[in-house]
Protein backbone atom coordinates (compact mmCIF):
# COMPACT_ATOMS: atom_id res chain seq x y z
CA MET A 1 199.30 152.79 214.87
CA ASN A 2 202.36 154.70 213.41
CA ALA A 3 202.08 157.48 211.42
CA ALA A 4 201.32 156.82 208.32
CA SER A 5 204.34 158.56 206.43
CA LEU A 6 206.78 160.23 208.82
CA LYS A 7 208.70 162.60 205.42
CA PRO A 8 207.26 166.01 205.44
CA GLU A 9 204.61 167.04 202.79
CA GLU A 10 207.24 168.93 200.08
CA MET A 11 209.94 165.14 200.11
CA GLN A 12 206.55 163.00 199.08
CA ASN A 13 205.61 161.69 196.53
CA ILE A 14 202.32 160.80 194.83
CA PHE A 15 202.79 157.01 195.75
CA ASP A 16 203.74 158.08 199.86
CA LYS A 17 200.50 159.92 199.87
CA ILE A 18 198.42 156.57 198.88
CA LYS A 19 199.88 154.92 201.43
CA ILE A 20 198.41 157.78 203.81
CA LEU A 21 194.58 157.29 202.25
CA PRO A 22 194.16 154.08 204.35
CA VAL A 23 194.93 156.20 206.73
CA ILE A 24 192.95 158.71 206.80
CA LEU A 25 189.92 156.93 205.31
CA PRO A 26 188.63 155.55 208.56
CA VAL A 27 189.09 159.20 211.24
CA ILE A 28 186.58 160.35 207.91
CA PRO A 29 183.26 159.14 209.78
CA LYS A 30 184.70 160.93 213.28
CA PHE A 31 185.91 164.25 212.21
CA MET A 32 181.96 164.28 210.37
CA LYS A 33 180.31 163.32 213.91
CA TYR A 34 182.74 165.43 215.93
CA LYS A 35 182.61 169.07 213.38
CA SER A 36 180.64 170.87 215.63
CA ALA A 37 182.62 169.50 219.16
CA THR A 38 184.47 172.19 220.84
CA ILE A 39 187.45 170.61 223.33
CA GLN A 40 185.48 171.65 226.08
CA ASP A 41 182.59 169.24 225.27
CA PHE A 42 185.12 166.73 224.77
CA ALA A 43 186.51 166.56 228.16
CA ALA A 44 182.85 167.40 229.93
CA ARG A 45 182.11 163.74 228.86
CA PHE A 46 184.93 162.62 231.03
CA LYS A 47 183.51 161.31 234.35
CA ASN A 48 187.07 162.00 236.08
CA PRO A 49 187.35 165.54 237.51
CA PHE A 50 191.29 165.04 236.84
CA LEU A 51 190.92 163.53 232.85
CA ARG A 52 188.71 166.21 232.47
CA LYS A 53 190.56 169.33 233.70
CA ALA A 54 193.64 167.60 232.24
CA VAL A 55 192.18 167.37 228.27
CA ARG A 56 190.51 171.11 228.43
CA TYR A 57 193.75 172.66 229.88
CA PHE A 58 195.36 170.72 226.84
CA ILE A 59 194.23 174.21 224.95
CA ASP A 60 192.14 176.26 227.12
CA ALA A 61 194.24 176.63 229.61
CA PRO A 62 193.69 179.05 232.42
CA GLY A 63 195.87 182.56 231.58
CA TRP A 64 195.11 181.64 228.38
CA PRO A 65 191.50 180.55 227.46
CA MET A 66 190.60 179.50 224.69
CA PRO A 67 186.88 179.10 224.08
CA LYS A 68 184.53 176.48 222.12
CA PHE A 69 188.22 175.94 220.44
CA PRO A 70 187.33 173.14 217.86
CA LEU A 71 187.94 169.96 218.08
CA PRO A 72 188.59 168.35 214.65
CA ILE A 73 191.78 171.30 214.80
CA LEU A 74 193.13 169.53 217.92
CA THR A 75 193.92 166.77 214.61
CA GLY A 76 195.87 169.03 213.44
CA PHE A 77 198.35 169.84 216.01
CA MET A 78 198.65 166.11 216.52
CA ARG A 79 199.33 165.83 212.92
CA CYS A 80 202.09 168.15 213.46
CA GLY A 81 203.87 166.69 216.94
CA LEU A 82 204.05 163.26 214.78
CA THR A 83 205.35 165.10 211.07
CA ASP A 84 206.06 168.50 211.06
CA ALA A 85 207.98 169.15 214.47
CA GLY A 86 212.09 167.67 214.46
CA VAL A 87 214.79 168.89 215.09
CA PRO A 88 217.16 171.32 212.84
CA LEU A 89 220.08 169.51 210.65
CA GLY A 90 223.53 169.90 213.57
CA GLY A 91 220.56 171.00 216.21
CA SER A 92 218.57 173.48 218.07
CA GLN A 93 222.12 174.18 219.56
CA LYS A 94 224.26 175.07 215.70
CA VAL A 95 221.13 177.43 214.42
CA VAL A 96 221.70 179.59 217.93
CA LEU A 97 225.12 179.29 217.60
CA HIS A 98 225.04 180.77 213.58
CA ILE A 99 221.92 183.30 215.37
CA ALA A 100 224.55 184.37 217.67
CA LYS A 101 227.22 184.19 215.02
CA MET A 102 225.18 187.06 211.99
CA PHE A 103 224.51 189.41 215.50
CA LYS A 104 227.84 189.77 216.35
CA LYS A 105 228.56 190.29 212.31
CA ASN A 106 226.41 193.09 211.91
CA GLY A 107 227.40 194.35 215.36
CA GLY A 108 225.66 193.14 218.00
CA LYS A 109 227.37 192.22 221.51
CA ILE A 110 226.22 189.35 223.45
CA ARG A 111 226.75 189.41 227.37
CA TYR A 112 227.16 185.48 227.81
CA GLU A 113 226.42 184.13 231.67
CA SER A 114 224.90 187.25 232.53
CA ARG A 115 221.39 186.51 234.47
CA VAL A 116 218.59 189.13 234.04
CA SER A 117 216.71 190.48 236.54
CA ASN A 118 214.76 192.64 235.36
CA LEU A 119 213.71 194.71 232.51
CA ILE A 120 214.15 198.25 231.88
CA ILE A 121 210.91 199.62 230.36
CA GLU A 122 209.74 202.99 229.80
CA ASN A 123 205.95 204.51 228.42
CA ASN A 124 205.61 200.20 227.74
CA THR A 125 208.31 199.55 226.38
CA VAL A 126 211.53 197.38 226.88
CA ASN A 127 214.26 199.31 227.14
CA GLY A 128 216.59 197.47 227.90
CA VAL A 129 217.70 195.13 231.00
CA LEU A 130 219.18 194.96 234.39
CA LEU A 131 221.57 192.24 235.46
CA GLU A 132 222.18 190.55 238.81
CA ASP A 133 224.91 192.58 238.80
CA GLY A 134 222.90 195.57 239.26
CA THR A 135 224.99 197.13 235.62
CA GLU A 136 222.01 198.27 232.96
CA HIS A 137 222.52 197.99 229.59
CA SER A 138 219.88 199.88 226.99
CA ALA A 139 218.45 198.59 223.89
CA ASP A 140 216.45 198.97 220.76
CA LEU A 141 215.50 195.97 220.98
CA VAL A 142 214.60 192.98 223.42
CA ILE A 143 213.92 189.45 222.74
CA TRP A 144 213.20 187.49 225.78
CA ALA A 145 214.61 183.64 224.76
CA ALA A 146 214.33 182.20 228.16
CA ASN A 147 211.77 181.00 230.61
CA GLY A 148 208.16 182.52 229.49
CA HIS A 149 206.65 182.37 233.11
CA THR A 150 209.44 184.29 234.36
CA LEU A 151 208.65 186.74 232.09
CA ILE A 152 205.49 187.34 232.27
CA PHE A 153 204.90 186.27 236.26
CA ASP A 154 207.79 187.94 238.40
CA LEU A 155 209.57 190.13 235.63
CA LEU A 156 206.70 191.48 233.91
CA LYS A 157 204.37 191.99 236.63
CA LYS A 158 201.53 190.12 235.23
CA LYS A 159 201.53 193.52 232.81
């Protein structure tokens, strides 16, 4: 089924909202039926073990448990994926370049093509980075904007 409206909510008029009703009304009984169900309850209904795990891990993954996650809330995530998710005008690169420009304008320094090999941590606070070339760079604030798995498992050692 196609989304009833792909316009952002703030751009919808009354006619756009009325057009959504035929899509929403038929699913209200399903919401009522599953209002107390969790993603775990729903996943347990699958006979195939792979599907059972895949559906459950969509929300309730090992290392990031979400026990008793209400199934109806999942529809909100699905709606966001259809209607609210998007691409910034000019693409994400334009956003990144704008942030870099503002950062440099305010005195920040950016080193491109420099791979972080470790974090400088003192008293459970990241105070800088160690680059692969051996140079250390202290910082008031470190923002990790790369692979989360590398940060958590390789650099922070799951701490």
